[in-house]
């Protein structure tokens, strides 16, 4: 792989995911953001959408034309709503561009499952076959050299990193899994809606999309592959009145006798070569503030001998590890660079 500087295009640059890609890539020593694209704001400066970028990123938003993108970029990040990537990715690949898709369009290998949960037509089977699932801290080796990478969802990232080692080793019974996940409001995107209106969200916690969240089949797909048999989960999401962060709390019955320290040792061994998964000491559980603004996923445990169950707590920044940061980590792996390049941010605290 070429180890020189490459140029990146960001489609959907006026959304939160696009803004976070710009922030992180600005510090990447081997990537230059060469063009930013938006179907609705073409012809306006990016700083008109994001004044915080004034005098930092002097780029004008342009229309989405694959042949023109090819003249300006080597890789395209798709920070778009569902339904865009499935149509745009084939056109970008025809131009010889690498694609890293932050939407959900390419994550599910069964198009019928995608259509059921997303209520949209799926991507073509050949594109779904080409797309590599980029849960970088688990499947990083499979990302190297790939031309189209499907970035995992924010909830699946926190949840799967917290469950895969235990499921893979048969330490927990997947049939007993219950997942309680909480997210900040930025996960809903920048669009205006009653569900994210300040007066509706502030000083309140609410469950939403109960048993109907589109990330359920993604979680089940990966856990089923890991377990070697079908896994179905109870997954409930909650909206918390904060801007950033996901805390995924997972409960399962333990197979055999395993202590909290046993789980800590297993996970430290499993993730020993991955720089962004941090396993907490016995008795210490992670909080979202402790990973804010960073690409880290922090995981803690409490095994309960009384109930024979284990509680796994996983914390990420939904905009970084759950979106832009992992996308850049996947780019690093695809290019054969150190996966931590441009991502060594200390979490913001307080």
C-alpha atoms as a PDB file:
ATOM      1  CA  UNK A   1       0.000   0.000   0.000  1.00  0.00           C
ATOM      2  CA  UNK A   2       1.008   3.582  -0.681  1.00  0.00           C
ATOM      3  CA  UNK A   3       2.202   5.175   2.545  1.00  0.00           C
ATOM      4  CA  UNK A   4       1.994   8.748   1.256  1.00  0.00           C
ATOM      5  CA  UNK A   5      -0.608  11.429   1.812  1.00  0.00           C
ATOM      6  CA  UNK A   6      -4.061  10.799   0.376  1.00  0.00           C
ATOM      7  CA  UNK A   7      -6.995  13.099  -0.305  1.00  0.00           C
ATOM      8  CA  UNK A   8     -10.385  12.544   1.268  1.00  0.00           C
ATOM      9  CA  UNK A   9     -13.875  13.627   0.257  1.00  0.00           C
ATOM     10  CA  UNK A  10     -16.698  13.830   2.790  1.00  0.00           C
ATOM     11  CA  UNK A  11     -20.253  13.379   1.575  1.00  0.00           C
ATOM     12  CA  UNK A  12     -22.750  14.697   4.100  1.00  0.00           C
ATOM     13  CA  UNK A  13     -20.302  17.248   5.438  1.00  0.00           C
ATOM     14  CA  UNK A  14     -22.997  19.408   7.030  1.00  0.00           C
ATOM     15  CA  UNK A  15     -24.082  16.716   9.482  1.00  0.00           C
ATOM     16  CA  UNK A  16     -22.575  15.942  12.870  1.00  0.00           C
ATOM     17  CA  UNK A  17     -20.716  12.914  11.534  1.00  0.00           C
ATOM     18  CA  UNK A  18     -19.224  14.956   8.719  1.00  0.00           C
ATOM     19  CA  UNK A  19     -18.159  17.717  11.096  1.00  0.00           C
ATOM     20  CA  UNK A  20     -16.455  15.203  13.356  1.00  0.00           C
ATOM     21  CA  UNK A  21     -14.613  13.645  10.416  1.00  0.00           C
ATOM     22  CA  UNK A  22     -13.327  17.102   9.493  1.00  0.00           C
ATOM     23  CA  UNK A  23     -12.192  17.800  13.070  1.00  0.00           C
ATOM     24  CA  UNK A  24     -10.299  14.533  13.351  1.00  0.00           C
ATOM     25  CA  UNK A  25      -8.845  14.467   9.845  1.00  0.00           C
ATOM     26  CA  UNK A  26      -7.462  17.990  10.335  1.00  0.00           C
ATOM     27  CA  UNK A  27      -4.967  16.402  12.745  1.00  0.00           C
ATOM     28  CA  UNK A  28      -4.187  13.366  10.566  1.00  0.00           C
ATOM     29  CA  UNK A  29      -0.647  13.561   9.162  1.00  0.00           C
ATOM     30  CA  UNK A  30      -1.406  11.509   6.036  1.00  0.00           C
ATOM     31  CA  UNK A  31      -4.859  12.718   4.997  1.00  0.00           C
ATOM     32  CA  UNK A  32      -5.980  15.992   3.430  1.00  0.00           C
ATOM     33  CA  UNK A  33      -9.683  16.837   3.261  1.00  0.00           C
ATOM     34  CA  UNK A  34      -9.861  17.951  -0.357  1.00  0.00           C
ATOM     35  CA  UNK A  35     -13.598  18.344  -0.890  1.00  0.00           C
ATOM     36  CA  UNK A  36     -16.806  18.478   1.109  1.00  0.00           C
ATOM     37  CA  UNK A  37     -20.111  17.627  -0.471  1.00  0.00           C
ATOM     38  CA  UNK A  38     -23.749  18.243   0.303  1.00  0.00           C
ATOM     39  CA  UNK A  39     -26.812  17.710  -1.858  1.00  0.00           C
ATOM     40  CA  UNK A  40     -28.733  20.507  -0.117  1.00  0.00           C
ATOM     41  CA  UNK A  41     -26.087  23.180   0.521  1.00  0.00           C
ATOM     42  CA  UNK A  42     -24.019  23.128  -2.659  1.00  0.00           C
ATOM     43  CA  UNK A  43     -22.309  26.403  -3.470  1.00  0.00           C
ATOM     44  CA  UNK A  44     -22.018  27.686   0.092  1.00  0.00           C
ATOM     45  CA  UNK A  45     -18.882  27.769   2.249  1.00  0.00           C
ATOM     46  CA  UNK A  46     -18.641  25.014   4.831  1.00  0.00           C
ATOM     47  CA  UNK A  47     -18.169  27.654   7.523  1.00  0.00           C
ATOM     48  CA  UNK A  48     -21.717  28.892   6.824  1.00  0.00           C
ATOM     49  CA  UNK A  49     -22.974  25.571   8.182  1.00  0.00           C
ATOM     50  CA  UNK A  50     -20.318  25.307  10.873  1.00  0.00           C
ATOM     51  CA  UNK A  51     -18.994  28.713  11.990  1.00  0.00           C
ATOM     52  CA  UNK A  52     -16.515  26.984  14.315  1.00  0.00           C
ATOM     53  CA  UNK A  53     -14.533  26.066  11.166  1.00  0.00           C
ATOM     54  CA  UNK A  54     -14.016  29.708  10.149  1.00  0.00           C
ATOM     55  CA  UNK A  55     -10.413  30.338   9.010  1.00  0.00           C
ATOM     56  CA  UNK A  56      -9.620  26.654   9.611  1.00  0.00           C
ATOM     57  CA  UNK A  57     -11.334  24.838   6.732  1.00  0.00           C
ATOM     58  CA  UNK A  58     -11.797  27.140   3.738  1.00  0.00           C
ATOM     59  CA  UNK A  59     -13.751  24.787   1.492  1.00  0.00           C
ATOM     60  CA  UNK A  60     -16.970  25.307  -0.423  1.00  0.00           C
ATOM     61  CA  UNK A  61     -19.663  22.650  -0.402  1.00  0.00           C
ATOM     62  CA  UNK A  62     -20.112  21.071  -3.813  1.00  0.00           C
ATOM     63  CA  UNK A  63     -22.669  18.833  -5.496  1.00  0.00           C
ATOM     64  CA  UNK A  64     -22.261  15.067  -5.424  1.00  0.00           C
ATOM     65  CA  UNK A  65     -20.824  14.025  -8.792  1.00  0.00           C
ATOM     66  CA  UNK A  66     -18.703  10.822  -8.665  1.00  0.00           C
ATOM     67  CA  UNK A  67     -16.579  11.697 -11.721  1.00  0.00           C
ATOM     68  CA  UNK A  68     -15.722  15.093 -10.217  1.00  0.00           C
ATOM     69  CA  UNK A  69     -14.970  13.539  -6.824  1.00  0.00           C
ATOM     70  CA  UNK A  70     -12.491  11.212  -8.539  1.00  0.00           C
ATOM     71  CA  UNK A  71     -10.515  14.243  -9.738  1.00  0.00           C
ATOM     72  CA  UNK A  72     -10.168  15.544  -6.186  1.00  0.00           C
ATOM     73  CA  UNK A  73     -10.005  12.541  -3.862  1.00  0.00           C
ATOM     74  CA  UNK A  74      -8.726   9.020  -3.268  1.00  0.00           C
ATOM     75  CA  UNK A  75     -11.175   7.975  -0.559  1.00  0.00           C
ATOM     76  CA  UNK A  76     -14.764   8.984   0.143  1.00  0.00           C
ATOM     77  CA  UNK A  77     -16.389   9.023   3.558  1.00  0.00           C
ATOM     78  CA  UNK A  78     -20.172   8.705   3.336  1.00  0.00           C
ATOM     79  CA  UNK A  79     -21.659  10.425   6.391  1.00  0.00           C
ATOM     80  CA  UNK A  80     -25.144  10.220   4.939  1.00  0.00           C
ATOM     81  CA  UNK A  81     -28.634   9.142   5.983  1.00  0.00           C
ATOM     82  CA  UNK A  82     -29.801   5.622   5.200  1.00  0.00           C
ATOM     83  CA  UNK A  83     -30.643   5.060   1.541  1.00  0.00           C
ATOM     84  CA  UNK A  84     -27.923   7.250   0.028  1.00  0.00           C
ATOM     85  CA  UNK A  85     -24.910   4.946   0.185  1.00  0.00           C
ATOM     86  CA  UNK A  86     -26.678   1.994  -1.419  1.00  0.00           C
ATOM     87  CA  UNK A  87     -27.082   4.038  -4.606  1.00  0.00           C
ATOM     88  CA  UNK A  88     -23.887   6.106  -4.449  1.00  0.00           C
ATOM     89  CA  UNK A  89     -21.316   3.463  -3.483  1.00  0.00           C
ATOM     90  CA  UNK A  90     -21.419   1.546  -6.820  1.00  0.00           C
ATOM     91  CA  UNK A  91     -20.863   4.790  -8.730  1.00  0.00           C
ATOM     92  CA  UNK A  92     -17.888   5.713  -6.537  1.00  0.00           C
ATOM     93  CA  UNK A  93     -16.349   2.265  -6.893  1.00  0.00           C
ATOM     94  CA  UNK A  94     -16.671   2.538 -10.672  1.00  0.00           C
ATOM     95  CA  UNK A  95     -14.459   5.625 -10.425  1.00  0.00           C
ATOM     96  CA  UNK A  96     -11.801   3.624  -8.565  1.00  0.00           C
ATOM     97  CA  UNK A  97     -12.420   5.364  -5.244  1.00  0.00           C
ATOM     98  CA  UNK A  98     -12.226   3.780  -1.823  1.00  0.00           C
ATOM     99  CA  UNK A  99     -15.466   4.075   0.167  1.00  0.00           C
ATOM    100  CA  UNK A 100     -15.973   4.139   3.930  1.00  0.00           C
ATOM    101  CA  UNK A 101     -19.693   4.183   4.658  1.00  0.00           C
ATOM    102  CA  UNK A 102     -20.863   5.527   8.020  1.00  0.00           C
ATOM    103  CA  UNK A 103     -24.526   4.823   7.284  1.00  0.00           C
ATOM    104  CA  UNK A 104     -26.334   1.534   7.847  1.00  0.00           C
ATOM    105  CA  UNK A 105     -26.761   0.683   4.169  1.00  0.00           C
ATOM    106  CA  UNK A 106     -23.970  -1.886   3.863  1.00  0.00           C
ATOM    107  CA  UNK A 107     -23.875  -3.462   7.328  1.00  0.00           C
ATOM    108  CA  UNK A 108     -26.517  -6.151   6.908  1.00  0.00           C
ATOM    109  CA  UNK A 109     -25.588  -8.931   4.498  1.00  0.00           C
ATOM    110  CA  UNK A 110     -29.195  -9.999   3.931  1.00  0.00           C
ATOM    111  CA  UNK A 111     -30.972  -7.377   1.847  1.00  0.00           C
ATOM    112  CA  UNK A 112     -34.376  -8.611   3.000  1.00  0.00           C
ATOM    113  CA  UNK A 113     -33.410  -7.993   6.631  1.00  0.00           C
ATOM    114  CA  UNK A 114     -32.255  -4.482   5.764  1.00  0.00           C
ATOM    115  CA  UNK A 115     -35.536  -3.756   3.986  1.00  0.00           C
ATOM    116  CA  UNK A 116     -37.538  -5.005   6.986  1.00  0.00           C
ATOM    117  CA  UNK A 117     -35.719  -2.862   9.572  1.00  0.00           C
ATOM    118  CA  UNK A 118     -34.814   0.238   7.532  1.00  0.00           C
ATOM    119  CA  UNK A 119     -37.964   0.339   5.378  1.00  0.00           C
ATOM    120  CA  UNK A 120     -35.863   1.008   2.276  1.00  0.00           C
ATOM    121  CA  UNK A 121     -34.650  -0.908  -0.731  1.00  0.00           C
ATOM    122  CA  UNK A 122     -31.300  -2.591   0.014  1.00  0.00           C
ATOM    123  CA  UNK A 123     -28.012  -2.196  -1.789  1.00  0.00           C
ATOM    124  CA  UNK A 124     -27.294  -4.652  -4.591  1.00  0.00           C
ATOM    125  CA  UNK A 125     -26.056  -8.114  -3.522  1.00  0.00           C
ATOM    126  CA  UNK A 126     -22.652  -7.623  -5.159  1.00  0.00           C
ATOM    127  CA  UNK A 127     -22.044  -4.408  -3.185  1.00  0.00           C
ATOM    128  CA  UNK A 128     -23.134  -6.074   0.055  1.00  0.00           C
ATOM    129  CA  UNK A 129     -20.742  -8.917  -0.726  1.00  0.00           C
ATOM    130  CA  UNK A 130     -17.836  -6.507  -1.300  1.00  0.00           C
ATOM    131  CA  UNK A 131     -18.446  -4.467   1.834  1.00  0.00           C
ATOM    132  CA  UNK A 132     -16.266  -5.454   4.794  1.00  0.00           C
ATOM    133  CA  UNK A 133     -17.740  -4.895   8.243  1.00  0.00           C
ATOM    134  CA  UNK A 134     -15.283  -2.525   9.922  1.00  0.00           C
ATOM    135  CA  UNK A 135     -15.540  -3.256  13.637  1.00  0.00           C
ATOM    136  CA  UNK A 136     -11.880  -2.370  13.643  1.00  0.00           C
ATOM    137  CA  UNK A 137     -10.892  -3.623  17.103  1.00  0.00           C
ATOM    138  CA  UNK A 138     -12.147  -7.120  16.240  1.00  0.00           C
ATOM    139  CA  UNK A 139     -11.948  -7.427  12.460  1.00  0.00           C
ATOM    140  CA  UNK A 140      -9.069  -5.065  11.777  1.00  0.00           C
ATOM    141  CA  UNK A 141      -7.052  -7.671   9.895  1.00  0.00           C
ATOM    142  CA  UNK A 142      -9.847  -8.143   7.352  1.00  0.00           C
ATOM    143  CA  UNK A 143     -10.009  -4.410   6.588  1.00  0.00           C
ATOM    144  CA  UNK A 144      -6.487  -4.180   5.127  1.00  0.00           C
ATOM    145  CA  UNK A 145      -6.491  -3.383   1.423  1.00  0.00           C
ATOM    146  CA  UNK A 146     -10.281  -3.271   1.092  1.00  0.00           C
ATOM    147  CA  UNK A 147     -12.041  -0.831  -1.234  1.00  0.00           C
ATOM    148  CA  UNK A 148     -15.399  -0.591   0.552  1.00  0.00           C
ATOM    149  CA  UNK A 149     -15.778  -0.653   4.326  1.00  0.00           C
ATOM    150  CA  UNK A 150     -19.029  -0.540   6.243  1.00  0.00           C
ATOM    151  CA  UNK A 151     -18.515   1.381   9.476  1.00  0.00           C
ATOM    152  CA  UNK A 152     -20.493  -0.162  12.370  1.00  0.00           C
ATOM    153  CA  UNK A 153     -23.328   1.672  14.070  1.00  0.00           C
ATOM    154  CA  UNK A 154     -22.709   3.538  17.305  1.00  0.00           C
ATOM    155  CA  UNK A 155     -24.812   1.252  19.518  1.00  0.00           C
ATOM    156  CA  UNK A 156     -23.389  -1.920  17.927  1.00  0.00           C
ATOM    157  CA  UNK A 157     -19.835  -0.667  18.444  1.00  0.00           C
ATOM    158  CA  UNK A 158     -20.262  -0.209  22.183  1.00  0.00           C
ATOM    159  CA  UNK A 159     -22.342  -3.358  22.557  1.00  0.00           C
ATOM    160  CA  UNK A 160     -20.345  -5.754  20.392  1.00  0.00           C
ATOM    161  CA  UNK A 161     -16.974  -4.752  21.827  1.00  0.00           C
ATOM    162  CA  UNK A 162     -18.484  -5.488  25.233  1.00  0.00           C
ATOM    163  CA  UNK A 163     -19.849  -8.906  24.278  1.00  0.00           C
ATOM    164  CA  UNK A 164     -17.784 -10.580  21.556  1.00  0.00           C
ATOM    165  CA  UNK A 165     -14.972 -12.008  23.733  1.00  0.00           C
ATOM    166  CA  UNK A 166     -17.405 -13.595  26.216  1.00  0.00           C
ATOM    167  CA  UNK A 167     -19.631 -14.980  23.457  1.00  0.00           C
ATOM    168  CA  UNK A 168     -16.662 -16.265  21.460  1.00  0.00           C
ATOM    169  CA  UNK A 169     -15.278 -18.148  24.473  1.00  0.00           C
ATOM    170  CA  UNK A 170     -18.690 -19.490  25.480  1.00  0.00           C
ATOM    171  CA  UNK A 171     -18.547 -17.775  28.869  1.00  0.00           C
ATOM    172  CA  UNK A 172     -22.097 -16.433  28.648  1.00  0.00           C
ATOM    173  CA  UNK A 173     -25.385 -17.812  27.366  1.00  0.00           C
ATOM    174  CA  UNK A 174     -26.395 -15.590  24.418  1.00  0.00           C
ATOM    175  CA  UNK A 175     -30.028 -16.613  24.826  1.00  0.00           C
ATOM    176  CA  UNK A 176     -30.126 -14.686  28.111  1.00  0.00           C
ATOM    177  CA  UNK A 177     -28.725 -11.410  26.775  1.00  0.00           C
ATOM    178  CA  UNK A 178     -30.441  -8.183  27.723  1.00  0.00           C
ATOM    179  CA  UNK A 179     -28.916  -4.923  26.500  1.00  0.00           C
ATOM    180  CA  UNK A 180     -29.754  -1.523  27.972  1.00  0.00           C
ATOM    181  CA  UNK A 181     -28.138   1.290  25.986  1.00  0.00           C
ATOM    182  CA  UNK A 182     -28.221   5.038  26.579  1.00  0.00           C
ATOM    183  CA  UNK A 183     -27.185   7.754  24.141  1.00  0.00           C
ATOM    184  CA  UNK A 184     -26.670  11.475  23.931  1.00  0.00           C
ATOM    185  CA  UNK A 185     -28.863  13.587  21.671  1.00  0.00           C
ATOM    186  CA  UNK A 186     -26.219  14.034  18.939  1.00  0.00           C
ATOM    187  CA  UNK A 187     -26.913  10.449  17.896  1.00  0.00           C
ATOM    188  CA  UNK A 188     -30.166  11.632  16.334  1.00  0.00           C
ATOM    189  CA  UNK A 189     -28.285  13.852  13.889  1.00  0.00           C
ATOM    190  CA  UNK A 190     -28.624  17.551  13.168  1.00  0.00           C
ATOM    191  CA  UNK A 191     -32.151  17.535  11.825  1.00  0.00           C
ATOM    192  CA  UNK A 192     -34.800  19.381  13.798  1.00  0.00           C
ATOM    193  CA  UNK A 193     -37.558  17.306  15.366  1.00  0.00           C
ATOM    194  CA  UNK A 194     -39.828  17.190  18.364  1.00  0.00           C
ATOM    195  CA  UNK A 195     -38.048  14.110  19.705  1.00  0.00           C
ATOM    196  CA  UNK A 196     -34.800  16.060  20.168  1.00  0.00           C
ATOM    197  CA  UNK A 197     -36.292  19.472  21.015  1.00  0.00           C
ATOM    198  CA  UNK A 198     -34.553  20.915  24.086  1.00  0.00           C
ATOM    199  CA  UNK A 199     -37.748  21.305  26.083  1.00  0.00           C
ATOM    200  CA  UNK A 200     -38.724  17.706  25.351  1.00  0.00           C
ATOM    201  CA  UNK A 201     -35.332  16.172  26.169  1.00  0.00           C
ATOM    202  CA  UNK A 202     -33.973  18.272  29.029  1.00  0.00           C
ATOM    203  CA  UNK A 203     -34.408  16.868  32.542  1.00  0.00           C
ATOM    204  CA  UNK A 204     -35.898  13.667  31.150  1.00  0.00           C
ATOM    205  CA  UNK A 205     -34.847  10.144  30.223  1.00  0.00           C
ATOM    206  CA  UNK A 206     -36.949   8.120  27.817  1.00  0.00           C
ATOM    207  CA  UNK A 207     -36.847   4.743  26.141  1.00  0.00           C
ATOM    208  CA  UNK A 208     -37.387   4.772  22.388  1.00  0.00           C
ATOM    209  CA  UNK A 209     -37.671   2.305  19.486  1.00  0.00           C
ATOM    210  CA  UNK A 210     -38.241  -0.466  22.028  1.00  0.00           C
ATOM    211  CA  UNK A 211     -37.735  -3.842  20.290  1.00  0.00           C
ATOM    212  CA  UNK A 212     -37.680  -1.952  16.983  1.00  0.00           C
ATOM    213  CA  UNK A 213     -34.289  -0.223  16.742  1.00  0.00           C
ATOM    214  CA  UNK A 214     -32.566  -0.677  13.375  1.00  0.00           C
ATOM    215  CA  UNK A 215     -29.310  -1.642  15.106  1.00  0.00           C
ATOM    216  CA  UNK A 216     -30.835  -4.833  16.513  1.00  0.00           C
ATOM    217  CA  UNK A 217     -30.234  -6.971  13.394  1.00  0.00           C
ATOM    218  CA  UNK A 218     -26.663  -5.672  13.134  1.00  0.00           C
ATOM    219  CA  UNK A 219     -25.914  -6.757  16.695  1.00  0.00           C
ATOM    220  CA  UNK A 220     -27.617 -10.116  16.143  1.00  0.00           C
ATOM    221  CA  UNK A 221     -25.792 -10.699  12.859  1.00  0.00           C
ATOM    222  CA  UNK A 222     -22.354 -10.295  14.430  1.00  0.00           C
ATOM    223  CA  UNK A 223     -23.148 -12.195  17.631  1.00  0.00           C
ATOM    224  CA  UNK A 224     -24.630 -15.061  15.597  1.00  0.00           C
ATOM    225  CA  UNK A 225     -21.439 -15.284  13.532  1.00  0.00           C
ATOM    226  CA  UNK A 226     -19.388 -15.187  16.730  1.00  0.00           C
ATOM    227  CA  UNK A 227     -21.443 -17.839  18.523  1.00  0.00           C
ATOM    228  CA  UNK A 228     -21.822 -20.097  15.493  1.00  0.00           C
ATOM    229  CA  UNK A 229     -25.582 -20.228  16.031  1.00  0.00           C
ATOM    230  CA  UNK A 230     -28.516 -17.827  15.882  1.00  0.00           C
ATOM    231  CA  UNK A 231     -28.528 -15.175  18.594  1.00  0.00           C
ATOM    232  CA  UNK A 232     -31.484 -12.915  19.320  1.00  0.00           C
ATOM    233  CA  UNK A 233     -31.313 -10.143  21.900  1.00  0.00           C
ATOM    234  CA  UNK A 234     -33.544  -7.847  23.899  1.00  0.00           C
ATOM    235  CA  UNK A 235     -32.194  -4.379  23.138  1.00  0.00           C
ATOM    236  CA  UNK A 236     -33.613  -1.163  24.585  1.00  0.00           C
ATOM    237  CA  UNK A 237     -32.273   2.309  23.823  1.00  0.00           C
ATOM    238  CA  UNK A 238     -32.723   5.388  26.006  1.00  0.00           C
ATOM    239  CA  UNK A 239     -32.219   9.060  25.195  1.00  0.00           C
ATOM    240  CA  UNK A 240     -30.243  10.986  27.823  1.00  0.00           C
ATOM    241  CA  UNK A 241     -30.125  14.827  28.049  1.00  0.00           C
ATOM    242  CA  UNK A 242     -26.451  15.117  27.116  1.00  0.00           C
ATOM    243  CA  UNK A 243     -24.735  15.855  23.815  1.00  0.00           C
ATOM    244  CA  UNK A 244     -22.265  12.985  23.421  1.00  0.00           C
ATOM    245  CA  UNK A 245     -21.761   9.473  24.611  1.00  0.00           C
ATOM    246  CA  UNK A 246     -23.159   5.942  24.710  1.00  0.00           C
ATOM    247  CA  UNK A 247     -23.274   3.704  27.757  1.00  0.00           C
ATOM    248  CA  UNK A 248     -24.251   0.137  26.947  1.00  0.00           C
ATOM    249  CA  UNK A 249     -25.053  -2.039  29.962  1.00  0.00           C
ATOM    250  CA  UNK A 250     -25.368  -5.740  29.156  1.00  0.00           C
ATOM    251  CA  UNK A 251     -26.625  -8.621  31.287  1.00  0.00           C
ATOM    252  CA  UNK A 252     -26.241 -12.367  30.684  1.00  0.00           C
ATOM    253  CA  UNK A 253     -26.123 -15.676  32.521  1.00  0.00           C
ATOM    254  CA  UNK A 254     -22.620 -17.022  33.024  1.00  0.00           C
ATOM    255  CA  UNK A 255     -21.708 -20.528  31.901  1.00  0.00           C
ATOM    256  CA  UNK A 256     -19.825 -22.146  34.764  1.00  0.00           C
ATOM    257  CA  UNK A 257     -18.109 -20.224  37.522  1.00  0.00           C
ATOM    258  CA  UNK A 258     -16.383 -17.026  36.417  1.00  0.00           C
ATOM    259  CA  UNK A 259     -15.300 -14.098  38.586  1.00  0.00           C
ATOM    260  CA  UNK A 260     -15.090 -10.431  37.683  1.00  0.00           C
ATOM    261  CA  UNK A 261     -11.320 -10.784  37.485  1.00  0.00           C
ATOM    262  CA  UNK A 262     -11.702 -13.731  35.099  1.00  0.00           C
ATOM    263  CA  UNK A 263     -13.653 -11.510  32.716  1.00  0.00           C
ATOM    264  CA  UNK A 264     -11.084  -8.735  33.040  1.00  0.00           C
ATOM    265  CA  UNK A 265      -8.253 -11.132  32.221  1.00  0.00           C
ATOM    266  CA  UNK A 266     -10.120 -12.607  29.238  1.00  0.00           C
ATOM    267  CA  UNK A 267     -10.865  -9.212  27.708  1.00  0.00           C
ATOM    268  CA  UNK A 268      -7.375  -7.858  28.293  1.00  0.00           C
ATOM    269  CA  UNK A 269      -5.972 -10.861  26.467  1.00  0.00           C
ATOM    270  CA  UNK A 270      -8.500 -10.551  23.619  1.00  0.00           C
ATOM    271  CA  UNK A 271      -7.842  -6.842  23.050  1.00  0.00           C
ATOM    272  CA  UNK A 272      -4.141  -6.782  23.963  1.00  0.00           C
ATOM    273  CA  UNK A 273      -3.022  -5.578  20.519  1.00  0.00           C
ATOM    274  CA  UNK A 274      -5.803  -3.020  20.057  1.00  0.00           C
ATOM    275  CA  UNK A 275      -4.904   0.487  21.261  1.00  0.00           C
ATOM    276  CA  UNK A 276      -8.418   1.845  21.740  1.00  0.00           C
ATOM    277  CA  UNK A 277     -10.108  -0.719  23.981  1.00  0.00           C
ATOM    278  CA  UNK A 278      -9.383  -0.132  27.652  1.00  0.00           C
ATOM    279  CA  UNK A 279     -10.423  -2.686  30.253  1.00  0.00           C
ATOM    280  CA  UNK A 280     -11.120  -1.291  33.709  1.00  0.00           C
ATOM    281  CA  UNK A 281      -9.748  -2.609  36.972  1.00  0.00           C
ATOM    282  CA  UNK A 282     -11.903  -4.753  39.234  1.00  0.00           C
ATOM    283  CA  UNK A 283     -14.534  -2.626  40.969  1.00  0.00           C
ATOM    284  CA  UNK A 284     -14.292   0.282  38.507  1.00  0.00           C
ATOM    285  CA  UNK A 285     -16.901   0.821  35.788  1.00  0.00           C
ATOM    286  CA  UNK A 286     -16.594   3.311  32.912  1.00  0.00           C
ATOM    287  CA  UNK A 287     -18.530   6.530  32.363  1.00  0.00           C
ATOM    288  CA  UNK A 288     -19.193   8.389  29.122  1.00  0.00           C
ATOM    289  CA  UNK A 289     -17.316  11.492  30.265  1.00  0.00           C
ATOM    290  CA  UNK A 290     -14.156   9.414  30.576  1.00  0.00           C
ATOM    291  CA  UNK A 291     -14.106   8.711  26.813  1.00  0.00           C
ATOM    292  CA  UNK A 292     -15.612  11.980  25.548  1.00  0.00           C
ATOM    293  CA  UNK A 293     -13.952  13.354  22.421  1.00  0.00           C
ATOM    294  CA  UNK A 294     -11.798  10.232  22.034  1.00  0.00           C
ATOM    295  CA  UNK A 295     -11.674   6.997  20.045  1.00  0.00           C
ATOM    296  CA  UNK A 296     -11.572   4.841  23.179  1.00  0.00           C
ATOM    297  CA  UNK A 297     -14.024   2.184  24.240  1.00  0.00           C
ATOM    298  CA  UNK A 298     -13.844   1.529  27.990  1.00  0.00           C
ATOM    299  CA  UNK A 299     -15.268  -1.721  29.377  1.00  0.00           C
ATOM    300  CA  UNK A 300     -15.921  -2.838  32.946  1.00  0.00           C
ATOM    301  CA  UNK A 301     -17.475  -5.891  34.604  1.00  0.00           C
ATOM    302  CA  UNK A 302     -19.319  -7.162  37.622  1.00  0.00           C
ATOM    303  CA  UNK A 303     -19.867 -10.916  37.897  1.00  0.00           C
ATOM    304  CA  UNK A 304     -22.519 -11.767  40.465  1.00  0.00           C
ATOM    305  CA  UNK A 305     -22.105 -15.177  42.092  1.00  0.00           C
ATOM    306  CA  UNK A 306     -25.502 -14.813  43.782  1.00  0.00           C
ATOM    307  CA  UNK A 307     -27.453 -14.615  40.500  1.00  0.00           C
ATOM    308  CA  UNK A 308     -24.991 -16.385  38.214  1.00  0.00           C
ATOM    309  CA  UNK A 309     -25.067 -13.403  35.882  1.00  0.00           C
ATOM    310  CA  UNK A 310     -22.512 -10.889  34.663  1.00  0.00           C
ATOM    311  CA  UNK A 311     -22.997  -7.192  33.999  1.00  0.00           C
ATOM    312  CA  UNK A 312     -20.803  -5.712  31.265  1.00  0.00           C
ATOM    313  CA  UNK A 313     -20.619  -1.923  30.941  1.00  0.00           C
ATOM    314  CA  UNK A 314     -19.184  -0.348  27.780  1.00  0.00           C
ATOM    315  CA  UNK A 315     -18.713   3.397  27.171  1.00  0.00           C
ATOM    316  CA  UNK A 316     -17.871   5.246  23.958  1.00  0.00           C
ATOM    317  CA  UNK A 317     -18.183   8.692  22.418  1.00  0.00           C
ATOM    318  CA  UNK A 318     -20.894   8.069  19.824  1.00  0.00           C
ATOM    319  CA  UNK A 319     -19.506  10.693  17.431  1.00  0.00           C
ATOM    320  CA  UNK A 320     -15.913   9.415  17.574  1.00  0.00           C
ATOM    321  CA  UNK A 321     -15.600   5.705  18.345  1.00  0.00           C
ATOM    322  CA  UNK A 322     -19.215   5.249  17.252  1.00  0.00           C
ATOM    323  CA  UNK A 323     -18.747   7.071  13.940  1.00  0.00           C
ATOM    324  CA  UNK A 324     -15.919   9.301  12.657  1.00  0.00           C
ATOM    325  CA  UNK A 325     -13.052   7.972  14.783  1.00  0.00           C
ATOM    326  CA  UNK A 326     -13.684   4.351  13.895  1.00  0.00           C
ATOM    327  CA  UNK A 327     -14.066   5.336  10.228  1.00  0.00           C
ATOM    328  CA  UNK A 328     -10.586   6.874  10.335  1.00  0.00           C
ATOM    329  CA  UNK A 329      -9.250   3.853  12.207  1.00  0.00           C
ATOM    330  CA  UNK A 330     -10.626   1.735   9.358  1.00  0.00           C
ATOM    331  CA  UNK A 331      -8.962   4.000   6.793  1.00  0.00           C
ATOM    332  CA  UNK A 332      -5.648   3.568   8.604  1.00  0.00           C
ATOM    333  CA  UNK A 333      -6.041  -0.215   8.541  1.00  0.00           C
ATOM    334  CA  UNK A 334      -7.111  -0.235   4.890  1.00  0.00           C
ATOM    335  CA  UNK A 335      -4.049   1.807   3.940  1.00  0.00           C
ATOM    336  CA  UNK A 336      -1.614  -0.283   5.959  1.00  0.00           C
ATOM    337  CA  UNK A 337      -0.867   2.561   8.373  1.00  0.00           C
ATOM    338  CA  UNK A 338      -0.689   2.334  12.150  1.00  0.00           C
ATOM    339  CA  UNK A 339      -4.357   2.148  13.151  1.00  0.00           C
ATOM    340  CA  UNK A 340      -3.903   4.868  15.794  1.00  0.00           C
ATOM    341  CA  UNK A 341      -2.569   7.460  13.336  1.00  0.00           C
ATOM    342  CA  UNK A 342      -4.328  10.782  13.863  1.00  0.00           C
ATOM    343  CA  UNK A 343      -6.465   9.381  16.664  1.00  0.00           C
ATOM    344  CA  UNK A 344      -4.319   9.678  19.769  1.00  0.00           C
ATOM    345  CA  UNK A 345      -6.601  12.163  21.471  1.00  0.00           C
ATOM    346  CA  UNK A 346      -6.789  12.159  25.259  1.00  0.00           C
ATOM    347  CA  UNK A 347     -10.472  12.212  26.289  1.00  0.00           C
ATOM    348  CA  UNK A 348     -11.864  15.637  27.220  1.00  0.00           C
ATOM    349  CA  UNK A 349     -12.320  16.007  30.963  1.00  0.00           C
ATOM    350  CA  UNK A 350     -14.334  17.325  32.649  1.00  0.00           C
END
